[in-house]
C-alpha cells in the first residue's frame, strides 16, 4: 500500500497542486495533459482517506523540488532547505559553512 506522502508526490508529478487552507487540503490540476483517471483515482482516494497525514506531510513538502525538509522564516512560513537556501542563510547566518 502506498503512503499518503507518496500519493501527494505522484499527483504533483502528474500536474496536481496542493495547498493547505486552514485544516482543509486544497487540490487543483494544473498539468498540460489530462491525467489518466484510472491512475489518478486511487491516489486521490488515498489523499481523501488520510487527510490528517496529508496535512502533516504538506507542512514540510516543497512542491517546487519535491524535497521534504523545511525551515521557518521569522513569520513561521516554511522555506525549503533546497530552493530557499540563499534566503535561509541570509535569515540565519549561522547556517553558512565556514571554511
PDB file of N, CA and C in Angstrom:
ATOM      1  N   UNK A   1       0.843  -1.193   0.000  1.00  0.00           N
ATOM      2  CA  UNK A   1       0.000   0.000   0.000  1.00  0.00           C
ATOM      3  C   UNK A   1       0.884   1.252   0.000  1.00  0.00           C
ATOM      4  N   UNK A   2       0.481   2.217  -0.743  1.00  0.00           N
ATOM      5  CA  UNK A   2       1.220   3.485  -0.795  1.00  0.00           C
ATOM      6  C   UNK A   2       0.940   4.319   0.438  1.00  0.00           C
ATOM      7  N   UNK A   3       1.888   5.183   0.745  1.00  0.00           N
ATOM      8  CA  UNK A   3       1.710   6.123   1.850  1.00  0.00           C
ATOM      9  C   UNK A   3       1.110   7.408   1.300  1.00  0.00           C
ATOM     10  N   UNK A   4       0.394   8.168   2.140  1.00  0.00           N
ATOM     11  CA  UNK A   4      -0.214   9.427   1.678  1.00  0.00           C
ATOM     12  C   UNK A   4       0.793  10.395   1.079  1.00  0.00           C
ATOM     13  N   UNK A   5       1.979  10.497   1.653  1.00  0.00           N
ATOM     14  CA  UNK A   5       3.001  11.394   1.107  1.00  0.00           C
ATOM     15  C   UNK A   5       3.438  10.968  -0.285  1.00  0.00           C
ATOM     16  N   UNK A   6       3.525   9.656  -0.511  1.00  0.00           N
ATOM     17  CA  UNK A   6       3.873   9.156  -1.839  1.00  0.00           C
ATOM     18  C   UNK A   6       2.798   9.535  -2.853  1.00  0.00           C
ATOM     19  N   UNK A   7       1.528   9.452  -2.425  1.00  0.00           N
ATOM     20  CA  UNK A   7       0.418   9.822  -3.313  1.00  0.00           C
ATOM     21  C   UNK A   7       0.502  11.301  -3.675  1.00  0.00           C
ATOM     22  N   UNK A   8       0.803  12.157  -2.709  1.00  0.00           N
ATOM     23  CA  UNK A   8       0.937  13.596  -2.968  1.00  0.00           C
ATOM     24  C   UNK A   8       2.070  13.848  -3.965  1.00  0.00           C
ATOM     25  N   UNK A   9       3.203  13.192  -3.768  1.00  0.00           N
ATOM     26  CA  UNK A   9       4.335  13.402  -4.668  1.00  0.00           C
ATOM     27  C   UNK A   9       4.019  12.914  -6.081  1.00  0.00           C
ATOM     28  N   UNK A  10       3.351  11.760  -6.204  1.00  0.00           N
ATOM     29  CA  UNK A  10       2.999  11.244  -7.529  1.00  0.00           C
ATOM     30  C   UNK A  10       1.982  12.155  -8.218  1.00  0.00           C
ATOM     31  N   UNK A  11       0.973  12.596  -7.471  1.00  0.00           N
ATOM     32  CA  UNK A  11      -0.017  13.507  -8.046  1.00  0.00           C
ATOM     33  C   UNK A  11       0.626  14.833  -8.451  1.00  0.00           C
ATOM     34  N   UNK A  12       1.567  15.318  -7.667  1.00  0.00           N
ATOM     35  CA  UNK A  12       2.280  16.553  -8.011  1.00  0.00           C
ATOM     36  C   UNK A  12       3.061  16.370  -9.301  1.00  0.00           C
ATOM     37  N   UNK A  13       3.684  15.220  -9.452  1.00  0.00           N
ATOM     38  CA  UNK A  13       4.435  14.917 -10.676  1.00  0.00           C
ATOM     39  C   UNK A  13       3.509  14.901 -11.892  1.00  0.00           C
ATOM     40  N   UNK A  14       2.247  14.510 -11.677  1.00  0.00           N
ATOM     41  CA  UNK A  14       1.263  14.445 -12.762  1.00  0.00           C
ATOM     42  C   UNK A  14       0.603  15.790 -13.053  1.00  0.00           C
ATOM     43  N   UNK A  15       0.903  16.809 -12.241  1.00  0.00           N
ATOM     44  CA  UNK A  15       0.374  18.139 -12.515  1.00  0.00           C
ATOM     45  C   UNK A  15      -0.627  18.668 -11.502  1.00  0.00           C
ATOM     46  N   UNK A  16      -0.860  17.936 -10.426  1.00  0.00           N
ATOM     47  CA  UNK A  16      -1.762  18.411  -9.380  1.00  0.00           C
ATOM     48  C   UNK A  16      -0.983  19.294  -8.417  1.00  0.00           C
ATOM     49  N   UNK A  17      -1.628  20.313  -7.883  1.00  0.00           N
ATOM     50  CA  UNK A  17      -1.011  21.206  -6.911  1.00  0.00           C
ATOM     51  C   UNK A  17      -1.832  21.175  -5.632  1.00  0.00           C
ATOM     52  N   UNK A  18      -1.140  21.113  -4.512  1.00  0.00           N
ATOM     53  CA  UNK A  18      -1.759  21.014  -3.193  1.00  0.00           C
ATOM     54  C   UNK A  18      -1.435  22.258  -2.394  1.00  0.00           C
ATOM     55  N   UNK A  19      -2.373  22.633  -1.537  1.00  0.00           N
ATOM     56  CA  UNK A  19      -2.099  23.693  -0.571  1.00  0.00           C
ATOM     57  C   UNK A  19      -3.006  23.485   0.630  1.00  0.00           C
ATOM     58  N   UNK A  20      -2.565  24.000   1.751  1.00  0.00           N
ATOM     59  CA  UNK A  20      -3.372  23.946   2.970  1.00  0.00           C
ATOM     60  C   UNK A  20      -4.123  25.252   3.108  1.00  0.00           C
ATOM     61  N   UNK A  21      -5.403  25.140   3.412  1.00  0.00           N
ATOM     62  CA  UNK A  21      -6.254  26.299   3.673  1.00  0.00           C
ATOM     63  C   UNK A  21      -6.892  26.044   5.031  1.00  0.00           C
ATOM     64  N   UNK A  22      -6.212  26.506   6.078  1.00  0.00           N
ATOM     65  CA  UNK A  22      -6.655  26.153   7.430  1.00  0.00           C
ATOM     66  C   UNK A  22      -6.430  24.663   7.625  1.00  0.00           C
ATOM     67  N   UNK A  23      -7.501  23.922   7.894  1.00  0.00           N
ATOM     68  CA  UNK A  23      -7.380  22.476   8.049  1.00  0.00           C
ATOM     69  C   UNK A  23      -7.763  21.742   6.766  1.00  0.00           C
ATOM     70  N   UNK A  24      -8.213  22.481   5.763  1.00  0.00           N
ATOM     71  CA  UNK A  24      -8.622  21.858   4.501  1.00  0.00           C
ATOM     72  C   UNK A  24      -7.425  21.674   3.569  1.00  0.00           C
ATOM     73  N   UNK A  25      -7.415  20.550   2.876  1.00  0.00           N
ATOM     74  CA  UNK A  25      -6.410  20.284   1.850  1.00  0.00           C
ATOM     75  C   UNK A  25      -7.045  20.629   0.509  1.00  0.00           C
ATOM     76  N   UNK A  26      -6.473  21.583  -0.187  1.00  0.00           N
ATOM     77  CA  UNK A  26      -6.992  22.007  -1.489  1.00  0.00           C
ATOM     78  C   UNK A  26      -6.134  21.387  -2.583  1.00  0.00           C
ATOM     79  N   UNK A  27      -6.799  20.830  -3.600  1.00  0.00           N
ATOM     80  CA  UNK A  27      -6.112  20.194  -4.718  1.00  0.00           C
ATOM     81  C   UNK A  27      -6.613  20.819  -6.007  1.00  0.00           C
ATOM     82  N   UNK A  28      -5.671  21.131  -6.895  1.00  0.00           N
ATOM     83  CA  UNK A  28      -6.028  21.725  -8.184  1.00  0.00           C
ATOM     84  C   UNK A  28      -5.132  21.106  -9.256  1.00  0.00           C
ATOM     85  N   UNK A  29      -5.716  20.809 -10.407  1.00  0.00           N
ATOM     86  CA  UNK A  29      -4.922  20.264 -11.504  1.00  0.00           C
ATOM     87  C   UNK A  29      -4.420  21.408 -12.374  1.00  0.00           C
ATOM     88  N   UNK A  30      -3.109  21.451 -12.602  1.00  0.00           N
ATOM     89  CA  UNK A  30      -2.504  22.492 -13.433  1.00  0.00           C
ATOM     90  C   UNK A  30      -1.634  21.892 -14.530  1.00  0.00           C
ATOM     91  N   UNK A  31      -1.796  20.605 -14.765  1.00  0.00           N
ATOM     92  CA  UNK A  31      -0.969  19.942 -15.765  1.00  0.00           C
ATOM     93  C   UNK A  31      -1.349  20.326 -17.183  1.00  0.00           C
ATOM     94  N   UNK A  32      -0.520  19.948 -18.112  1.00  0.00           N
ATOM     95  CA  UNK A  32      -0.751  20.274 -19.521  1.00  0.00           C
ATOM     96  C   UNK A  32      -1.700  19.285 -20.188  1.00  0.00           C
ATOM     97  N   UNK A  33      -1.582  17.999 -19.832  1.00  0.00           N
ATOM     98  CA  UNK A  33      -2.453  16.973 -20.406  1.00  0.00           C
ATOM     99  C   UNK A  33      -3.337  16.400 -19.313  1.00  0.00           C
ATOM    100  N   UNK A  34      -4.594  16.088 -19.643  1.00  0.00           N
ATOM    101  CA  UNK A  34      -5.470  15.477 -18.636  1.00  0.00           C
ATOM    102  C   UNK A  34      -4.877  14.146 -18.156  1.00  0.00           C
ATOM    103  N   UNK A  35      -4.911  13.913 -16.841  1.00  0.00           N
ATOM    104  CA  UNK A  35      -4.332  12.676 -16.318  1.00  0.00           C
ATOM    105  C   UNK A  35      -5.239  11.472 -16.603  1.00  0.00           C
ATOM    106  N   UNK A  36      -4.659  10.295 -16.541  1.00  0.00           N
ATOM    107  CA  UNK A  36      -5.398   9.054 -16.698  1.00  0.00           C
ATOM    108  C   UNK A  36      -6.238   8.834 -15.436  1.00  0.00           C
ATOM    109  N   UNK A  37      -7.577   8.837 -15.553  1.00  0.00           N
ATOM    110  CA  UNK A  37      -8.432   8.688 -14.378  1.00  0.00           C
ATOM    111  C   UNK A  37      -8.169   7.398 -13.593  1.00  0.00           C
ATOM    112  N   UNK A  38      -7.823   6.323 -14.289  1.00  0.00           N
ATOM    113  CA  UNK A  38      -7.565   5.056 -13.595  1.00  0.00           C
ATOM    114  C   UNK A  38      -6.302   5.122 -12.746  1.00  0.00           C
ATOM    115  N   UNK A  39      -5.342   5.925 -13.158  1.00  0.00           N
ATOM    116  CA  UNK A  39      -4.108   6.070 -12.383  1.00  0.00           C
ATOM    117  C   UNK A  39      -4.289   7.056 -11.234  1.00  0.00           C
ATOM    118  N   UNK A  40      -5.093   8.091 -11.471  1.00  0.00           N
ATOM    119  CA  UNK A  40      -5.237   9.180 -10.503  1.00  0.00           C
ATOM    120  C   UNK A  40      -6.256   8.862  -9.409  1.00  0.00           C
ATOM    121  N   UNK A  41      -7.310   8.184  -9.748  1.00  0.00           N
ATOM    122  CA  UNK A  41      -8.404   7.931  -8.806  1.00  0.00           C
ATOM    123  C   UNK A  41      -7.951   7.271  -7.504  1.00  0.00           C
ATOM    124  N   UNK A  42      -7.150   6.189  -7.541  1.00  0.00           N
ATOM    125  CA  UNK A  42      -6.721   5.584  -6.273  1.00  0.00           C
ATOM    126  C   UNK A  42      -5.825   6.513  -5.448  1.00  0.00           C
ATOM    127  N   UNK A  43      -5.042   7.338  -6.134  1.00  0.00           N
ATOM    128  CA  UNK A  43      -4.170   8.269  -5.411  1.00  0.00           C
ATOM    129  C   UNK A  43      -4.994   9.343  -4.710  1.00  0.00           C
ATOM    130  N   UNK A  44      -5.992   9.878  -5.415  1.00  0.00           N
ATOM    131  CA  UNK A  44      -6.864  10.890  -4.799  1.00  0.00           C
ATOM    132  C   UNK A  44      -7.677  10.286  -3.654  1.00  0.00           C
ATOM    133  N   UNK A  45      -8.101   9.032  -3.807  1.00  0.00           N
ATOM    134  CA  UNK A  45      -8.817   8.352  -2.718  1.00  0.00           C
ATOM    135  C   UNK A  45      -7.928   8.225  -1.488  1.00  0.00           C
ATOM    136  N   UNK A  46      -6.668   7.882  -1.705  1.00  0.00           N
ATOM    137  CA  UNK A  46      -5.724   7.764  -0.592  1.00  0.00           C
ATOM    138  C   UNK A  46      -5.565   9.108   0.118  1.00  0.00           C
ATOM    139  N   UNK A  47      -5.470  10.182  -0.653  1.00  0.00           N
ATOM    140  CA  UNK A  47      -5.368  11.522  -0.067  1.00  0.00           C
ATOM    141  C   UNK A  47      -6.631  11.846   0.725  1.00  0.00           C
ATOM    142  N   UNK A  48      -7.791  11.550   0.165  1.00  0.00           N
ATOM    143  CA  UNK A  48      -9.066  11.835   0.856  1.00  0.00           C
ATOM    144  C   UNK A  48      -9.209  11.071   2.163  1.00  0.00           C
ATOM    145  N   UNK A  49      -8.773   9.817   2.160  1.00  0.00           N
ATOM    146  CA  UNK A  49      -8.956   8.970   3.345  1.00  0.00           C
ATOM    147  C   UNK A  49      -7.895   9.178   4.426  1.00  0.00           C
ATOM    148  N   UNK A  50      -6.852   9.904   4.106  1.00  0.00           N
ATOM    149  CA  UNK A  50      -5.769  10.131   5.076  1.00  0.00           C
ATOM    150  C   UNK A  50      -5.435  11.623   5.153  1.00  0.00           C
ATOM    151  N   UNK A  51      -6.455  12.441   5.296  1.00  0.00           N
ATOM    152  CA  UNK A  51      -6.265  13.898   5.278  1.00  0.00           C
ATOM    153  C   UNK A  51      -5.316  14.396   6.364  1.00  0.00           C
ATOM    154  N   UNK A  52      -5.403  13.804   7.553  1.00  0.00           N
ATOM    155  CA  UNK A  52      -4.533  14.254   8.644  1.00  0.00           C
ATOM    156  C   UNK A  52      -3.067  14.003   8.293  1.00  0.00           C
ATOM    157  N   UNK A  53      -2.760  12.829   7.744  1.00  0.00           N
ATOM    158  CA  UNK A  53      -1.385  12.521   7.330  1.00  0.00           C
ATOM    159  C   UNK A  53      -0.947  13.442   6.189  1.00  0.00           C
ATOM    160  N   UNK A  54      -1.854  13.732   5.254  1.00  0.00           N
ATOM    161  CA  UNK A  54      -1.540  14.611   4.133  1.00  0.00           C
ATOM    162  C   UNK A  54      -1.265  16.022   4.637  1.00  0.00           C
ATOM    163  N   UNK A  55      -2.080  16.506   5.578  1.00  0.00           N
ATOM    164  CA  UNK A  55      -1.840  17.841   6.149  1.00  0.00           C
ATOM    165  C   UNK A  55      -0.458  17.909   6.791  1.00  0.00           C
ATOM    166  N   UNK A  56      -0.119  16.895   7.541  1.00  0.00           N
ATOM    167  CA  UNK A  56       1.184  16.850   8.200  1.00  0.00           C
ATOM    168  C   UNK A  56       2.302  16.838   7.152  1.00  0.00           C
ATOM    169  N   UNK A  57       2.149  16.016   6.106  1.00  0.00           N
ATOM    170  CA  UNK A  57       3.147  15.927   5.046  1.00  0.00           C
ATOM    171  C   UNK A  57       3.309  17.258   4.325  1.00  0.00           C
ATOM    172  N   UNK A  58       2.198  17.924   4.012  1.00  0.00           N
ATOM    173  CA  UNK A  58       2.251  19.179   3.257  1.00  0.00           C
ATOM    174  C   UNK A  58       2.914  20.312   4.037  1.00  0.00           C
ATOM    175  N   UNK A  59       2.969  20.194   5.356  1.00  0.00           N
ATOM    176  CA  UNK A  59       3.626  21.235   6.148  1.00  0.00           C
ATOM    177  C   UNK A  59       5.121  21.293   5.870  1.00  0.00           C
ATOM    178  N   UNK A  60       5.715  20.188   5.388  1.00  0.00           N
ATOM    179  CA  UNK A  60       7.137  20.208   5.086  1.00  0.00           C
ATOM    180  C   UNK A  60       7.487  19.849   3.655  1.00  0.00           C
ATOM    181  N   UNK A  61       6.514  19.671   2.803  1.00  0.00           N
ATOM    182  CA  UNK A  61       6.763  19.275   1.410  1.00  0.00           C
ATOM    183  C   UNK A  61       6.951  20.502   0.533  1.00  0.00           C
ATOM    184  N   UNK A  62       7.979  20.474  -0.318  1.00  0.00           N
ATOM    185  CA  UNK A  62       8.224  21.563  -1.263  1.00  0.00           C
ATOM    186  C   UNK A  62       7.725  21.135  -2.636  1.00  0.00           C
ATOM    187  N   UNK A  63       6.665  21.756  -3.156  1.00  0.00           N
ATOM    188  CA  UNK A  63       6.149  21.365  -4.466  1.00  0.00           C
ATOM    189  C   UNK A  63       7.076  21.755  -5.616  1.00  0.00           C
ATOM    190  N   UNK A  64       8.020  22.664  -5.367  1.00  0.00           N
ATOM    191  CA  UNK A  64       8.934  23.080  -6.435  1.00  0.00           C
ATOM    192  C   UNK A  64       9.976  22.008  -6.726  1.00  0.00           C
ATOM    193  N   UNK A  65      10.590  21.456  -5.678  1.00  0.00           N
ATOM    194  CA  UNK A  65      11.676  20.495  -5.904  1.00  0.00           C
ATOM    195  C   UNK A  65      11.336  19.086  -5.425  1.00  0.00           C
ATOM    196  N   UNK A  66      10.238  18.940  -4.676  1.00  0.00           N
ATOM    197  CA  UNK A  66       9.866  17.624  -4.165  1.00  0.00           C
ATOM    198  C   UNK A  66      10.553  17.260  -2.867  1.00  0.00           C
ATOM    199  N   UNK A  67      11.336  18.179  -2.336  1.00  0.00           N
ATOM    200  CA  UNK A  67      12.017  17.926  -1.070  1.00  0.00           C
ATOM    201  C   UNK A  67      11.053  17.975   0.118  1.00  0.00           C
ATOM    202  N   UNK A  68      11.484  17.418   1.220  1.00  0.00           N
ATOM    203  CA  UNK A  68      10.630  17.409   2.408  1.00  0.00           C
ATOM    204  C   UNK A  68      11.345  17.959   3.636  1.00  0.00           C
ATOM    205  N   UNK A  69      12.295  18.840   3.426  1.00  0.00           N
ATOM    206  CA  UNK A  69      12.995  19.467   4.537  1.00  0.00           C
ATOM    207  C   UNK A  69      12.786  20.965   4.462  1.00  0.00           C
ATOM    208  N   UNK A  70      12.192  21.523   5.502  1.00  0.00           N
ATOM    209  CA  UNK A  70      11.937  22.955   5.524  1.00  0.00           C
ATOM    210  C   UNK A  70      12.409  23.558   6.831  1.00  0.00           C
ATOM    211  N   UNK A  71      12.516  24.859   6.814  1.00  0.00           N
ATOM    212  CA  UNK A  71      12.888  25.636   7.991  1.00  0.00           C
ATOM    213  C   UNK A  71      12.023  26.892   7.957  1.00  0.00           C
ATOM    214  N   UNK A  72      11.494  27.334   9.087  1.00  0.00           N
ATOM    215  CA  UNK A  72      10.613  28.507   9.051  1.00  0.00           C
ATOM    216  C   UNK A  72      11.369  29.824   8.922  1.00  0.00           C
ATOM    217  N   UNK A  73      10.698  30.806   8.284  1.00  0.00           N
ATOM    218  CA  UNK A  73      11.233  32.158   8.304  1.00  0.00           C
ATOM    219  C   UNK A  73      10.766  32.806   9.601  1.00  0.00           C
ATOM    220  N   UNK A  74      11.008  34.105   9.762  1.00  0.00           N
ATOM    221  CA  UNK A  74      10.651  34.776  11.014  1.00  0.00           C
ATOM    222  C   UNK A  74       9.144  34.826  11.267  1.00  0.00           C
ATOM    223  N   UNK A  75       8.355  34.685  10.215  1.00  0.00           N
ATOM    224  CA  UNK A  75       6.900  34.704  10.371  1.00  0.00           C
ATOM    225  C   UNK A  75       6.315  33.306  10.452  1.00  0.00           C
ATOM    226  N   UNK A  76       7.158  32.276  10.486  1.00  0.00           N
ATOM    227  CA  UNK A  76       6.699  30.908  10.629  1.00  0.00           C
ATOM    228  C   UNK A  76       6.371  30.208   9.318  1.00  0.00           C
ATOM    229  N   UNK A  77       6.544  30.879   8.182  1.00  0.00           N
ATOM    230  CA  UNK A  77       6.290  30.247   6.891  1.00  0.00           C
ATOM    231  C   UNK A  77       7.435  29.303   6.564  1.00  0.00           C
ATOM    232  N   UNK A  78       7.112  28.118   6.029  1.00  0.00           N
ATOM    233  CA  UNK A  78       8.188  27.170   5.719  1.00  0.00           C
ATOM    234  C   UNK A  78       8.974  27.581   4.486  1.00  0.00           C
ATOM    235  N   UNK A  79      10.281  27.498   4.590  1.00  0.00           N
ATOM    236  CA  UNK A  79      11.173  27.734   3.466  1.00  0.00           C
ATOM    237  C   UNK A  79      11.911  26.426   3.192  1.00  0.00           C
ATOM    238  N   UNK A  80      11.997  26.052   1.932  1.00  0.00           N
ATOM    239  CA  UNK A  80      12.652  24.811   1.531  1.00  0.00           C
ATOM    240  C   UNK A  80      14.160  24.934   1.714  1.00  0.00           C
ATOM    241  N   UNK A  81      14.769  23.915   2.306  1.00  0.00           N
ATOM    242  CA  UNK A  81      16.214  23.953   2.512  1.00  0.00           C
ATOM    243  C   UNK A  81      16.988  23.875   1.200  1.00  0.00           C
ATOM    244  N   UNK A  82      16.342  23.429   0.130  1.00  0.00           N
ATOM    245  CA  UNK A  82      17.000  23.399  -1.175  1.00  0.00           C
ATOM    246  C   UNK A  82      16.702  24.669  -1.957  1.00  0.00           C
ATOM    247  N   UNK A  83      15.434  24.922  -2.216  1.00  0.00           N
ATOM    248  CA  UNK A  83      15.034  26.052  -3.074  1.00  0.00           C
ATOM    249  C   UNK A  83      15.308  27.411  -2.443  1.00  0.00           C
ATOM    250  N   UNK A  84      15.149  27.517  -1.137  1.00  0.00           N
ATOM    251  CA  UNK A  84      15.247  28.809  -0.453  1.00  0.00           C
ATOM    252  C   UNK A  84      16.535  28.973   0.350  1.00  0.00           C
ATOM    253  N   UNK A  85      17.562  28.169   0.027  1.00  0.00           N
ATOM    254  CA  UNK A  85      18.803  28.213   0.798  1.00  0.00           C
ATOM    255  C   UNK A  85      19.404  29.608   0.896  1.00  0.00           C
ATOM    256  N   UNK A  86      19.511  30.379  -0.188  1.00  0.00           N
ATOM    257  CA  UNK A  86      20.097  31.727  -0.061  1.00  0.00           C
ATOM    258  C   UNK A  86      19.313  32.613   0.919  1.00  0.00           C
ATOM    259  N   UNK A  87      18.005  32.509   0.915  1.00  0.00           N
ATOM    260  CA  UNK A  87      17.172  33.294   1.839  1.00  0.00           C
ATOM    261  C   UNK A  87      17.420  32.830   3.272  1.00  0.00           C
ATOM    262  N   UNK A  88      17.483  31.514   3.478  1.00  0.00           N
ATOM    263  CA  UNK A  88      17.699  30.979   4.828  1.00  0.00           C
ATOM    264  C   UNK A  88      19.055  31.392   5.388  1.00  0.00           C
ATOM    265  N   UNK A  89      20.089  31.385   4.548  1.00  0.00           N
ATOM    266  CA  UNK A  89      21.424  31.792   5.003  1.00  0.00           C
ATOM    267  C   UNK A  89      21.426  33.270   5.381  1.00  0.00           C
ATOM    268  N   UNK A  90      20.636  34.046   4.651  1.00  0.00           N
ATOM    269  CA  UNK A  90      20.523  35.470   4.980  1.00  0.00           C
ATOM    270  C   UNK A  90      19.798  35.655   6.322  1.00  0.00           C
ATOM    271  N   UNK A  91      18.730  34.866   6.533  1.00  0.00           N
ATOM    272  CA  UNK A  91      17.968  34.961   7.781  1.00  0.00           C
ATOM    273  C   UNK A  91      18.736  34.383   8.964  1.00  0.00           C
ATOM    274  N   UNK A  92      19.436  33.276   8.712  1.00  0.00           N
ATOM    275  CA  UNK A  92      20.163  32.551   9.765  1.00  0.00           C
ATOM    276  C   UNK A  92      21.625  32.407   9.349  1.00  0.00           C
ATOM    277  N   UNK A  93      22.445  33.431   9.555  1.00  0.00           N
ATOM    278  CA  UNK A  93      23.843  33.398   9.110  1.00  0.00           C
ATOM    279  C   UNK A  93      24.638  32.220   9.659  1.00  0.00           C
ATOM    280  N   UNK A  94      24.202  31.677  10.776  1.00  0.00           N
ATOM    281  CA  UNK A  94      24.913  30.533  11.369  1.00  0.00           C
ATOM    282  C   UNK A  94      24.836  29.280  10.512  1.00  0.00           C
ATOM    283  N   UNK A  95      23.938  29.254   9.531  1.00  0.00           N
ATOM    284  CA  UNK A  95      23.835  28.095   8.645  1.00  0.00           C
ATOM    285  C   UNK A  95      24.976  28.048   7.630  1.00  0.00           C
ATOM    286  N   UNK A  96      25.602  29.187   7.390  1.00  0.00           N
ATOM    287  CA  UNK A  96      26.671  29.279   6.390  1.00  0.00           C
ATOM    288  C   UNK A  96      27.858  28.400   6.802  1.00  0.00           C
ATOM    289  N   UNK A  97      28.374  27.657   5.863  1.00  0.00           N
ATOM    290  CA  UNK A  97      29.531  26.788   6.134  1.00  0.00           C
ATOM    291  C   UNK A  97      30.775  27.662   6.187  1.00  0.00           C
ATOM    292  N   UNK A  98      31.545  27.459   7.244  1.00  0.00           N
ATOM    293  CA  UNK A  98      32.792  28.222   7.395  1.00  0.00           C
ATOM    294  C   UNK A  98      33.953  27.317   7.006  1.00  0.00           C
ATOM    295  N   UNK A  99      34.810  27.823   6.122  1.00  0.00           N
ATOM    296  CA  UNK A  99      35.985  27.035   5.681  1.00  0.00           C
ATOM    297  C   UNK A  99      37.219  27.490   6.391  1.00  0.00           C
TER     298      UNK A  99
END
